[in-house]
Amino acid sequence: MTEKEMLQRNIEEFSRLQDYMQSCDKETEAYTKMKKRYKELKVILTASGINLTEIDYIKE
């Protein structure tokens, strides 16, 4: 898998994860687990030079 493909996959996962987070109650165990992955993806994408301004609509 190329670096470009990996970045695309992470961006798509980040977007999909945010959709799931918005449809879930923040007090659930599922939300807590999703938030952990959300933070991991933010770090990966930021370290890769991706500007999250436009695609991060959860902003936690």
PDB file of N, CA and C in Angstrom:
ATOM      1  N   MET A   1       0.860  -1.173   0.000  1.00  0.00           N
ATOM      2  CA  MET A   1       0.000   0.000   0.000  1.00  0.00           C
ATOM      3  C   MET A   1       0.907   1.238   0.000  1.00  0.00           C
ATOM      4  N   THR A   2       0.594   2.153  -0.866  1.00  0.00           N
ATOM      5  CA  THR A   2       1.394   3.378  -0.956  1.00  0.00           C
ATOM      6  C   THR A   2       1.022   4.336   0.170  1.00  0.00           C
ATOM      7  N   GLU A   3       1.868   5.325   0.389  1.00  0.00           N
ATOM      8  CA  GLU A   3       1.599   6.325   1.424  1.00  0.00           C
ATOM      9  C   GLU A   3       0.313   7.088   1.114  1.00  0.00           C
ATOM     10  N   LYS A   4       0.104   7.386  -0.160  1.00  0.00           N
ATOM     11  CA  LYS A   4      -1.104   8.110  -0.570  1.00  0.00           C
ATOM     12  C   LYS A   4      -2.356   7.282  -0.256  1.00  0.00           C
ATOM     13  N   GLU A   5      -2.311   6.000  -0.535  1.00  0.00           N
ATOM     14  CA  GLU A   5      -3.456   5.125  -0.248  1.00  0.00           C
ATOM     15  C   GLU A   5      -3.712   5.036   1.260  1.00  0.00           C
ATOM     16  N   MET A   6      -2.639   4.978   2.039  1.00  0.00           N
ATOM     17  CA  MET A   6      -2.781   4.912   3.493  1.00  0.00           C
ATOM     18  C   MET A   6      -3.391   6.193   4.038  1.00  0.00           C
ATOM     19  N   LEU A   7      -2.956   7.338   3.527  1.00  0.00           N
ATOM     20  CA  LEU A   7      -3.538   8.605   3.949  1.00  0.00           C
ATOM     21  C   LEU A   7      -5.015   8.681   3.585  1.00  0.00           C
ATOM     22  N   GLN A   8      -5.345   8.243   2.385  1.00  0.00           N
ATOM     23  CA  GLN A   8      -6.739   8.250   1.959  1.00  0.00           C
ATOM     24  C   GLN A   8      -7.582   7.370   2.872  1.00  0.00           C
ATOM     25  N   ARG A   9      -7.081   6.202   3.201  1.00  0.00           N
ATOM     26  CA  ARG A   9      -7.808   5.282   4.081  1.00  0.00           C
ATOM     27  C   ARG A   9      -8.026   5.906   5.462  1.00  0.00           C
ATOM     28  N   ASN A  10      -6.994   6.553   6.000  1.00  0.00           N
ATOM     29  CA  ASN A  10      -7.121   7.186   7.313  1.00  0.00           C
ATOM     30  C   ASN A  10      -8.086   8.363   7.290  1.00  0.00           C
ATOM     31  N   ILE A  11      -8.072   9.143   6.223  1.00  0.00           N
ATOM     32  CA  ILE A  11      -9.010  10.263   6.098  1.00  0.00           C
ATOM     33  C   ILE A  11     -10.448   9.746   6.013  1.00  0.00           C
ATOM     34  N   GLU A  12     -10.661   8.704   5.234  1.00  0.00           N
ATOM     35  CA  GLU A  12     -12.003   8.122   5.121  1.00  0.00           C
ATOM     36  C   GLU A  12     -12.464   7.554   6.459  1.00  0.00           C
ATOM     37  N   GLU A  13     -11.568   6.880   7.178  1.00  0.00           N
ATOM     38  CA  GLU A  13     -11.923   6.333   8.490  1.00  0.00           C
ATOM     39  C   GLU A  13     -12.245   7.459   9.466  1.00  0.00           C
ATOM     40  N   PHE A  14     -11.466   8.534   9.427  1.00  0.00           N
ATOM     41  CA  PHE A  14     -11.691   9.687  10.299  1.00  0.00           C
ATOM     42  C   PHE A  14     -13.081  10.277  10.054  1.00  0.00           C
ATOM     43  N   SER A  15     -13.432  10.435   8.814  1.00  0.00           N
ATOM     44  CA  SER A  15     -14.746  10.979   8.467  1.00  0.00           C
ATOM     45  C   SER A  15     -15.876  10.053   8.906  1.00  0.00           C
ATOM     46  N   ARG A  16     -15.733   8.788   8.615  1.00  0.00           N
ATOM     47  CA  ARG A  16     -16.749   7.794   8.979  1.00  0.00           C
ATOM     48  C   ARG A  16     -16.909   7.726  10.502  1.00  0.00           C
ATOM     49  N   LEU A  17     -15.796   7.752  11.211  1.00  0.00           N
ATOM     50  CA  LEU A  17     -15.825   7.688  12.668  1.00  0.00           C
ATOM     51  C   LEU A  17     -16.571   8.880  13.253  1.00  0.00           C
ATOM     52  N   GLN A  18     -16.362  10.054  12.706  1.00  0.00           N
ATOM     53  CA  GLN A  18     -17.069  11.236  13.190  1.00  0.00           C
ATOM     54  C   GLN A  18     -18.582  11.101  12.986  1.00  0.00           C
ATOM     55  N   ASP A  19     -18.987  10.513  11.870  1.00  0.00           N
ATOM     56  CA  ASP A  19     -20.414  10.275  11.638  1.00  0.00           C
ATOM     57  C   ASP A  19     -20.984   9.370  12.720  1.00  0.00           C
ATOM     58  N   TYR A  20     -20.255   8.301  13.040  1.00  0.00           N
ATOM     59  CA  TYR A  20     -20.704   7.380  14.087  1.00  0.00           C
ATOM     60  C   TYR A  20     -20.766   8.081  15.442  1.00  0.00           C
ATOM     61  N   MET A  21     -19.761   8.904  15.729  1.00  0.00           N
ATOM     62  CA  MET A  21     -19.723   9.603  17.011  1.00  0.00           C
ATOM     63  C   MET A  21     -20.902  10.555  17.163  1.00  0.00           C
ATOM     64  N   GLN A  22     -21.290  11.203  16.085  1.00  0.00           N
ATOM     65  CA  GLN A  22     -22.416  12.139  16.156  1.00  0.00           C
ATOM     66  C   GLN A  22     -23.740  11.423  16.402  1.00  0.00           C
ATOM     67  N   SER A  23     -23.830  10.171  16.027  1.00  0.00           N
ATOM     68  CA  SER A  23     -25.085   9.445  16.196  1.00  0.00           C
ATOM     69  C   SER A  23     -25.134   8.656  17.498  1.00  0.00           C
ATOM     70  N   CYS A  24     -24.140   8.827  18.343  1.00  0.00           N
ATOM     71  CA  CYS A  24     -24.020   8.045  19.560  1.00  0.00           C
ATOM     72  C   CYS A  24     -24.054   8.961  20.774  1.00  0.00           C
ATOM     73  N   ASP A  25     -24.665   8.507  21.859  1.00  0.00           N
ATOM     74  CA  ASP A  25     -24.683   9.254  23.111  1.00  0.00           C
ATOM     75  C   ASP A  25     -23.270   9.317  23.681  1.00  0.00           C
ATOM     76  N   LYS A  26     -22.846  10.498  24.089  1.00  0.00           N
ATOM     77  CA  LYS A  26     -21.480  10.697  24.577  1.00  0.00           C
ATOM     78  C   LYS A  26     -21.177   9.948  25.874  1.00  0.00           C
ATOM     79  N   GLU A  27     -22.175   9.490  26.551  1.00  0.00           N
ATOM     80  CA  GLU A  27     -21.981   8.811  27.834  1.00  0.00           C
ATOM     81  C   GLU A  27     -21.839   7.295  27.695  1.00  0.00           C
ATOM     82  N   THR A  28     -21.806   6.790  26.483  1.00  0.00           N
ATOM     83  CA  THR A  28     -21.727   5.341  26.287  1.00  0.00           C
ATOM     84  C   THR A  28     -20.282   4.854  26.175  1.00  0.00           C
ATOM     85  N   GLU A  29     -20.108   3.575  26.436  1.00  0.00           N
ATOM     86  CA  GLU A  29     -18.788   2.951  26.287  1.00  0.00           C
ATOM     87  C   GLU A  29     -18.338   2.991  24.828  1.00  0.00           C
ATOM     88  N   ALA A  30     -19.267   2.823  23.922  1.00  0.00           N
ATOM     89  CA  ALA A  30     -18.938   2.855  22.493  1.00  0.00           C
ATOM     90  C   ALA A  30     -18.365   4.211  22.104  1.00  0.00           C
ATOM     91  N   TYR A  31     -18.963   5.276  22.593  1.00  0.00           N
ATOM     92  CA  TYR A  31     -18.473   6.621  22.278  1.00  0.00           C
ATOM     93  C   TYR A  31     -17.056   6.804  22.824  1.00  0.00           C
ATOM     94  N   THR A  32     -16.817   6.332  24.025  1.00  0.00           N
ATOM     95  CA  THR A  32     -15.487   6.437  24.636  1.00  0.00           C
ATOM     96  C   THR A  32     -14.443   5.732  23.783  1.00  0.00           C
ATOM     97  N   LYS A  33     -14.773   4.564  23.272  1.00  0.00           N
ATOM     98  CA  LYS A  33     -13.850   3.823  22.411  1.00  0.00           C
ATOM     99  C   LYS A  33     -13.642   4.530  21.077  1.00  0.00           C
ATOM    100  N   MET A  34     -14.720   5.070  20.530  1.00  0.00           N
ATOM    101  CA  MET A  34     -14.594   5.805  19.270  1.00  0.00           C
ATOM    102  C   MET A  34     -13.753   7.060  19.458  1.00  0.00           C
ATOM    103  N   LYS A  35     -13.897   7.729  20.598  1.00  0.00           N
ATOM    104  CA  LYS A  35     -13.137   8.944  20.862  1.00  0.00           C
ATOM    105  C   LYS A  35     -11.641   8.630  20.935  1.00  0.00           C
ATOM    106  N   LYS A  36     -11.300   7.478  21.495  1.00  0.00           N
ATOM    107  CA  LYS A  36      -9.888   7.073  21.541  1.00  0.00           C
ATOM    108  C   LYS A  36      -9.339   6.934  20.125  1.00  0.00           C
ATOM    109  N   ARG A  37     -10.072   6.259  19.254  1.00  0.00           N
ATOM    110  CA  ARG A  37      -9.622   6.085  17.866  1.00  0.00           C
ATOM    111  C   ARG A  37      -9.595   7.423  17.146  1.00  0.00           C
ATOM    112  N   TYR A  38     -10.570   8.269  17.430  1.00  0.00           N
ATOM    113  CA  TYR A  38     -10.619   9.619  16.851  1.00  0.00           C
ATOM    114  C   TYR A  38      -9.322  10.373  17.165  1.00  0.00           C
ATOM    115  N   LYS A  39      -8.892  10.333  18.416  1.00  0.00           N
ATOM    116  CA  LYS A  39      -7.661  11.018  18.812  1.00  0.00           C
ATOM    117  C   LYS A  39      -6.450  10.418  18.114  1.00  0.00           C
ATOM    118  N   GLU A  40      -6.405   9.093  18.006  1.00  0.00           N
ATOM    119  CA  GLU A  40      -5.294   8.431  17.318  1.00  0.00           C
ATOM    120  C   GLU A  40      -5.218   8.878  15.862  1.00  0.00           C
ATOM    121  N   LEU A  41      -6.359   8.905  15.199  1.00  0.00           N
ATOM    122  CA  LEU A  41      -6.379   9.317  13.797  1.00  0.00           C
ATOM    123  C   LEU A  41      -5.993  10.783  13.635  1.00  0.00           C
ATOM    124  N   LYS A  42      -6.402  11.630  14.574  1.00  0.00           N
ATOM    125  CA  LYS A  42      -6.007  13.044  14.518  1.00  0.00           C
ATOM    126  C   LYS A  42      -4.488  13.175  14.573  1.00  0.00           C
ATOM    127  N   VAL A  43      -3.859  12.418  15.443  1.00  0.00           N
ATOM    128  CA  VAL A  43      -2.402  12.467  15.566  1.00  0.00           C
ATOM    129  C   VAL A  43      -1.744  11.978  14.278  1.00  0.00           C
ATOM    130  N   ILE A  44      -2.221  10.864  13.756  1.00  0.00           N
ATOM    131  CA  ILE A  44      -1.652  10.295  12.524  1.00  0.00           C
ATOM    132  C   ILE A  44      -1.785  11.284  11.377  1.00  0.00           C
ATOM    133  N   LEU A  45      -2.978  11.840  11.191  1.00  0.00           N
ATOM    134  CA  LEU A  45      -3.211  12.752  10.073  1.00  0.00           C
ATOM    135  C   LEU A  45      -2.438  14.062  10.234  1.00  0.00           C
ATOM    136  N   THR A  46      -2.387  14.585  11.438  1.00  0.00           N
ATOM    137  CA  THR A  46      -1.642  15.820  11.679  1.00  0.00           C
ATOM    138  C   THR A  46      -0.153  15.600  11.427  1.00  0.00           C
ATOM    139  N   ALA A  47       0.378  14.482  11.913  1.00  0.00           N
ATOM    140  CA  ALA A  47       1.795  14.164  11.702  1.00  0.00           C
ATOM    141  C   ALA A  47       2.105  13.958  10.222  1.00  0.00           C
ATOM    142  N   SER A  48       1.100  13.580   9.458  1.00  0.00           N
ATOM    143  CA  SER A  48       1.276  13.368   8.018  1.00  0.00           C
ATOM    144  C   SER A  48       1.114  14.656   7.221  1.00  0.00           C
ATOM    145  N   GLY A  49       0.839  15.747   7.913  1.00  0.00           N
ATOM    146  CA  GLY A  49       0.722  17.042   7.248  1.00  0.00           C
ATOM    147  C   GLY A  49      -0.668  17.365   6.730  1.00  0.00           C
ATOM    148  N   ILE A  50      -1.665  16.611   7.152  1.00  0.00           N
ATOM    149  CA  ILE A  50      -3.044  16.862   6.710  1.00  0.00           C
ATOM    150  C   ILE A  50      -3.653  17.969   7.564  1.00  0.00           C
ATOM    151  N   ASN A  51      -4.215  18.979   6.917  1.00  0.00           N
ATOM    152  CA  ASN A  51      -4.897  20.061   7.608  1.00  0.00           C
ATOM    153  C   ASN A  51      -6.310  19.592   7.942  1.00  0.00           C
ATOM    154  N   LEU A  52      -6.607  19.484   9.212  1.00  0.00           N
ATOM    155  CA  LEU A  52      -7.894  18.941   9.655  1.00  0.00           C
ATOM    156  C   LEU A  52      -8.991  19.996   9.773  1.00  0.00           C
ATOM    157  N   THR A  53      -8.677  21.233   9.483  1.00  0.00           N
ATOM    158  CA  THR A  53      -9.630  22.328   9.660  1.00  0.00           C
ATOM    159  C   THR A  53     -10.965  22.046   8.986  1.00  0.00           C
ATOM    160  N   GLU A  54     -10.938  21.568   7.781  1.00  0.00           N
ATOM    161  CA  GLU A  54     -12.169  21.344   7.015  1.00  0.00           C
ATOM    162  C   GLU A  54     -12.850  20.017   7.321  1.00  0.00           C
ATOM    163  N   ILE A  55     -12.104  19.015   7.757  1.00  0.00           N
ATOM    164  CA  ILE A  55     -12.697  17.688   7.907  1.00  0.00           C
ATOM    165  C   ILE A  55     -12.967  17.290   9.347  1.00  0.00           C
ATOM    166  N   ASP A  56     -12.496  18.067  10.318  1.00  0.00           N
ATOM    167  CA  ASP A  56     -12.731  17.743  11.733  1.00  0.00           C
ATOM    168  C   ASP A  56     -13.921  18.533  12.228  1.00  0.00           C
ATOM    169  N   TYR A  57     -15.094  17.923  12.232  1.00  0.00           N
ATOM    170  CA  TYR A  57     -16.273  18.646  12.681  1.00  0.00           C
ATOM    171  C   TYR A  57     -16.711  18.238  14.090  1.00  0.00           C
ATOM    172  N   ILE A  58     -16.050  17.279  14.699  1.00  0.00           N
ATOM    173  CA  ILE A  58     -16.304  16.940  16.099  1.00  0.00           C
ATOM    174  C   ILE A  58     -15.535  17.909  17.002  1.00  0.00           C
ATOM    175  N   LYS A  59     -14.277  18.151  16.643  1.00  0.00           N
ATOM    176  CA  LYS A  59     -13.394  19.086  17.333  1.00  0.00           C
ATOM    177  C   LYS A  59     -13.285  18.831  18.829  1.00  0.00           C
ATOM    178  N   GLU A  60     -12.972  17.599  19.191  1.00  0.00           N
ATOM    179  CA  GLU A  60     -12.751  17.253  20.607  1.00  0.00           C
ATOM    180  C   GLU A  60     -11.305  16.968  20.844  1.00  0.00           C
TER     181      GLU A  60
END
